């Protein structure tokens, strides 16, 4: 469930990021900053306006030459390089451009006619697309970090569970020295073995079959079987104890 939430955050971030390249937000939302004024430019005269612009923003310029003639307009960066080509404005003109770098830009108006020209201008700067790009990137980053933290937490919980399971696993103890663990020896025989001084499987495994047969009053073959079974029992117990470690 947590992973799904993280994936949703990333998906929303990607949607916002992609929309910033597709949706023209500036066409139906108000400008972040706006300037407007009227210039009357004499013949051969020039007027300029300096505005600081940010890379990635959208600049919308509305020009209206109201003097029977025309005005030449272009935009330069702070170094004097033309970033919006010169165009002759006669009547109403709408143009848009995006600055390639964050810097001061100069809007230049020139009157090359023989009579004074009146220029009404309006400049709006929109940062919606840049804002949405930043918001999308931030949300994608948050989603990725959430996914990484979720996976780290899952690994930590899994490791803790394994450790707890290992710590809480009950230790199995085996009757390593009990004659009852040896196959083929009944209760009566165990009592006789104890009377003969053999009280454990370890002691039985170390006995000599001839000597044991004499003490117990049984055949040497049976004594050999008991001794061999004691050795097998001790070997199995030793193997089980090693496995538990």
Protein backbone atom coordinates (compact mmCIF):
# COMPACT_ATOMS: atom_id res chain seq x y z
CA UNK A 1 0.00 0.00 0.00
CA UNK A 2 2.83 2.41 0.86
CA UNK A 3 4.56 1.58 -2.42
CA UNK A 4 1.33 2.39 -4.28
CA UNK A 5 1.16 5.80 -2.62
CA UNK A 6 4.76 6.50 -3.65
CA UNK A 7 4.00 5.46 -7.22
CA UNK A 8 0.99 7.80 -7.28
CA UNK A 9 3.19 10.73 -6.16
CA UNK A 10 5.68 9.97 -8.95
CA UNK A 11 2.87 9.64 -11.52
CA UNK A 12 1.35 12.99 -10.49
CA UNK A 13 4.78 14.62 -10.66
CA UNK A 14 5.37 13.25 -14.16
CA UNK A 15 1.92 14.44 -15.27
CA UNK A 16 2.62 17.97 -14.01
CA UNK A 17 6.06 17.95 -15.62
CA UNK A 18 4.72 16.80 -19.00
CA UNK A 19 1.83 19.27 -18.88
CA UNK A 20 4.32 22.14 -18.54
CA UNK A 21 5.61 21.32 -22.04
CA UNK A 22 2.18 20.80 -23.62
CA UNK A 23 -0.37 23.11 -21.98
CA UNK A 24 -0.04 26.87 -22.79
CA UNK A 25 -0.99 28.06 -19.30
CA UNK A 26 -0.15 31.68 -20.16
CA UNK A 27 -3.06 31.83 -22.61
CA UNK A 28 -5.73 31.58 -19.90
CA UNK A 29 -3.94 32.65 -16.70
CA UNK A 30 -2.91 36.18 -15.69
CA UNK A 31 0.66 37.38 -16.09
CA UNK A 32 3.03 37.19 -13.11
CA UNK A 33 4.39 40.62 -13.94
CA UNK A 34 3.03 43.22 -16.33
CA UNK A 35 4.15 46.56 -17.73
CA UNK A 36 2.44 48.96 -20.12
CA UNK A 37 3.02 52.50 -21.31
CA UNK A 38 2.83 54.83 -24.31
CA UNK A 39 5.85 56.27 -26.10
CA UNK A 40 5.82 59.14 -28.59
CA UNK A 41 8.96 58.80 -30.65
CA UNK A 42 10.25 61.62 -32.81
CA UNK A 43 11.51 60.97 -36.36
CA UNK A 44 14.83 59.11 -36.23
CA UNK A 45 14.39 58.71 -32.50
CA UNK A 46 14.79 55.65 -30.33
CA UNK A 47 13.24 54.52 -27.04
CA UNK A 48 14.29 51.53 -24.93
CA UNK A 49 13.10 49.67 -21.87
CA UNK A 50 15.22 47.32 -19.73
CA UNK A 51 13.51 44.38 -18.01
CA UNK A 52 15.04 41.46 -16.11
CA UNK A 53 13.75 38.13 -17.48
CA UNK A 54 14.19 34.56 -16.31
CA UNK A 55 15.11 31.64 -18.52
CA UNK A 56 12.12 29.43 -19.27
CA UNK A 57 9.54 32.19 -18.80
CA UNK A 58 7.18 33.21 -21.59
CA UNK A 59 7.16 36.89 -22.55
CA UNK A 60 4.13 38.25 -24.36
CA UNK A 61 4.45 41.64 -26.07
CA UNK A 62 1.51 43.62 -27.46
CA UNK A 63 2.42 46.63 -29.64
CA UNK A 64 0.15 49.20 -31.25
CA UNK A 65 1.56 51.88 -33.56
CA UNK A 66 -0.95 54.74 -33.68
CA UNK A 67 0.52 57.47 -35.79
CA UNK A 68 -0.16 56.61 -39.38
CA UNK A 69 3.32 55.14 -39.80
CA UNK A 70 5.33 52.32 -38.29
CA UNK A 71 7.84 51.56 -35.56
CA UNK A 72 10.78 49.13 -35.77
CA UNK A 73 10.99 46.85 -32.74
CA UNK A 74 13.50 44.27 -31.51
CA UNK A 75 14.85 42.80 -28.24
CA UNK A 76 18.50 42.64 -27.17
CA UNK A 77 20.22 40.92 -24.27
CA UNK A 78 22.52 42.75 -21.86
CA UNK A 79 25.47 42.25 -24.25
CA UNK A 80 23.66 43.89 -27.15
CA UNK A 81 22.93 40.62 -28.99
CA UNK A 82 19.57 40.57 -30.76
CA UNK A 83 17.38 37.83 -29.25
CA UNK A 84 14.13 38.82 -31.01
CA UNK A 85 14.61 39.85 -34.61
CA UNK A 86 13.65 43.31 -35.70
CA UNK A 87 10.21 43.75 -37.16
CA UNK A 88 8.24 46.70 -38.43
CA UNK A 89 5.12 47.36 -36.41
CA UNK A 90 2.16 48.97 -38.11
CA UNK A 91 -1.14 48.73 -36.30
CA UNK A 92 -1.53 46.09 -33.61
CA UNK A 93 1.01 43.26 -33.25
CA UNK A 94 1.23 40.40 -30.75
CA UNK A 95 4.43 38.42 -30.33
CA UNK A 96 5.84 35.91 -27.81
CA UNK A 97 9.32 34.64 -27.02
CA UNK A 98 11.20 32.68 -24.34
CA UNK A 99 14.50 33.98 -22.95
CA UNK A 100 17.29 31.42 -23.21
CA UNK A 101 19.09 32.79 -20.15
CA UNK A 102 18.25 34.71 -17.01
CA UNK A 103 19.45 38.26 -17.54
CA UNK A 104 18.39 41.82 -18.28
CA UNK A 105 16.84 42.35 -21.70
CA UNK A 106 16.34 45.61 -23.59
CA UNK A 107 13.18 46.27 -25.62
CA UNK A 108 14.06 48.74 -28.38
CA UNK A 109 11.62 50.98 -30.33
CA UNK A 110 12.92 53.01 -33.31
CA UNK A 111 11.07 55.52 -35.51
CA UNK A 112 12.53 55.63 -38.99
CA UNK A 113 9.59 57.55 -40.44
CA UNK A 114 9.60 61.28 -41.13
CA UNK A 115 6.86 62.03 -38.62
CA UNK A 116 6.44 61.38 -34.89
CA UNK A 117 4.92 58.03 -34.04
CA UNK A 118 2.91 57.00 -31.03
CA UNK A 119 3.52 53.49 -29.68
CA UNK A 120 1.30 51.83 -27.09
CA UNK A 121 2.95 48.75 -25.63
CA UNK A 122 2.17 46.10 -23.06
CA UNK A 123 4.55 43.40 -21.79
CA UNK A 124 3.48 40.42 -19.69
CA UNK A 125 5.81 37.79 -18.24
CA UNK A 126 4.49 34.31 -17.40
CA UNK A 127 6.27 31.75 -15.21
CA UNK A 128 3.52 29.11 -15.08
CA UNK A 129 5.28 26.58 -17.27
CA UNK A 130 8.54 26.97 -15.35
CA UNK A 131 6.66 26.72 -12.06
CA UNK A 132 4.92 23.54 -13.19
CA UNK A 133 8.23 22.07 -14.35
CA UNK A 134 9.79 22.71 -10.96
CA UNK A 135 6.71 21.37 -9.15
CA UNK A 136 6.74 18.23 -11.31
CA UNK A 137 10.44 17.63 -10.72
CA UNK A 138 10.05 18.15 -6.97
CA UNK A 139 7.11 15.73 -6.76
CA UNK A 140 8.97 13.11 -8.83
CA UNK A 141 11.97 13.49 -6.51
CA UNK A 142 9.79 13.15 -3.41
CA UNK A 143 8.14 10.04 -4.86
CA UNK A 144 11.49 8.41 -5.68
CA UNK A 145 12.80 9.16 -2.17
CA UNK A 146 9.60 7.73 -0.65
CA UNK A 147 10.01 4.53 -2.69
CA UNK A 148 13.66 4.21 -1.61
CA UNK A 149 12.75 4.76 2.06
CA UNK A 150 9.87 2.28 1.80
CA UNK A 151 12.16 -0.41 0.39
CA UNK A 152 14.82 0.33 3.00
CA UNK A 153 12.21 0.04 5.75
CA UNK A 154 10.94 -3.25 4.33
CA UNK A 155 14.47 -4.68 4.24
CA UNK A 156 15.09 -3.52 7.80
CA UNK A 157 11.83 -5.08 9.03
CA UNK A 158 12.60 -8.32 7.19
CA UNK A 159 16.09 -8.44 8.69
CA UNK A 160 14.74 -7.74 12.16
CA UNK A 161 12.17 -10.52 11.77
CA UNK A 162 14.85 -13.02 10.76
CA UNK A 163 17.05 -11.97 13.67
CA UNK A 164 14.17 -12.22 16.12
CA UNK A 165 13.24 -15.62 14.76
CA UNK A 166 16.79 -16.82 15.19
CA UNK A 167 17.00 -15.43 18.70
CA UNK A 168 13.66 -16.87 19.78
CA UNK A 169 14.17 -20.29 18.22
CA UNK A 170 14.13 -22.80 21.10
CA UNK A 171 17.28 -24.74 21.65
CA UNK A 172 16.80 -28.45 21.30
CA UNK A 173 18.57 -30.64 23.78
CA UNK A 174 19.23 -34.31 23.20
CA UNK A 175 19.72 -37.15 25.71
CA UNK A 176 23.32 -37.50 24.62
CA UNK A 177 24.37 -39.86 27.45
CA UNK A 178 21.16 -41.78 28.06
CA UNK A 179 21.14 -45.55 27.55
CA UNK A 180 17.47 -45.15 26.61
CA UNK A 181 18.59 -43.52 23.37
CA UNK A 182 20.44 -46.67 22.28
CA UNK A 183 18.43 -48.98 20.06
CA UNK A 184 17.91 -52.60 21.21
CA UNK A 185 18.38 -52.11 24.97
CA UNK A 186 15.27 -52.63 27.07
CA UNK A 187 14.69 -51.44 30.62
CA UNK A 188 15.89 -54.67 32.21
CA UNK A 189 19.11 -54.64 30.15
CA UNK A 190 19.72 -50.99 31.06
CA UNK A 191 19.48 -51.87 34.75
CA UNK A 192 21.95 -54.71 34.31
CA UNK A 193 24.32 -52.41 32.42
CA UNK A 194 24.20 -49.88 35.27
CA UNK A 195 24.89 -52.66 37.77
CA UNK A 196 27.88 -53.57 35.61
CA UNK A 197 29.14 -49.99 35.81
CA UNK A 198 27.92 -48.80 32.36
CA UNK A 199 25.51 -45.92 32.97
CA UNK A 200 25.55 -44.01 29.69
CA UNK A 201 25.72 -44.42 25.93
CA UNK A 202 29.20 -42.89 26.01
CA UNK A 203 30.39 -45.53 28.45
CA UNK A 204 28.76 -48.32 26.44
CA UNK A 205 30.44 -47.13 23.21
CA UNK A 206 33.86 -47.47 24.92
CA UNK A 207 33.28 -51.02 26.19
CA UNK A 208 34.97 -54.14 24.91
CA UNK A 209 32.44 -56.65 23.57
CA UNK A 210 34.15 -59.69 25.17
CA UNK A 211 34.43 -58.06 28.58
CA UNK A 212 30.89 -56.67 28.42
CA UNK A 213 29.47 -60.07 27.42
CA UNK A 214 31.16 -61.66 30.44
CA UNK A 215 29.79 -59.08 32.85
CA UNK A 216 26.26 -59.13 31.46
CA UNK A 217 26.04 -62.86 30.83
CA UNK A 218 25.02 -62.33 27.20
CA UNK A 219 26.58 -63.42 23.95
CA UNK A 220 29.51 -61.52 22.53
CA UNK A 221 27.45 -60.92 19.41
CA UNK A 222 24.69 -59.13 21.36
CA UNK A 223 27.25 -57.11 23.30
CA UNK A 224 28.82 -56.04 19.98
CA UNK A 225 25.40 -54.96 18.67
CA UNK A 226 24.80 -52.82 21.79
CA UNK A 227 28.21 -51.20 21.50
CA UNK A 228 27.74 -50.51 17.80
CA UNK A 229 24.26 -49.05 18.36
CA UNK A 230 25.65 -46.80 21.12
CA UNK A 231 28.28 -45.49 18.72
CA UNK A 232 25.65 -44.83 16.04
CA UNK A 233 23.41 -43.02 18.53
CA UNK A 234 26.27 -40.78 19.69
CA UNK A 235 27.17 -40.00 16.06
CA UNK A 236 23.58 -38.99 15.23
CA UNK A 237 23.34 -36.80 18.34
CA UNK A 238 26.63 -35.11 17.52
CA UNK A 239 25.45 -34.37 13.98
CA UNK A 240 22.14 -32.89 15.24
CA UNK A 241 23.94 -30.67 17.74
CA UNK A 242 26.24 -29.40 14.98
CA UNK A 243 23.21 -28.57 12.82
CA UNK A 244 21.61 -26.56 15.61
CA UNK A 245 24.74 -24.43 15.97
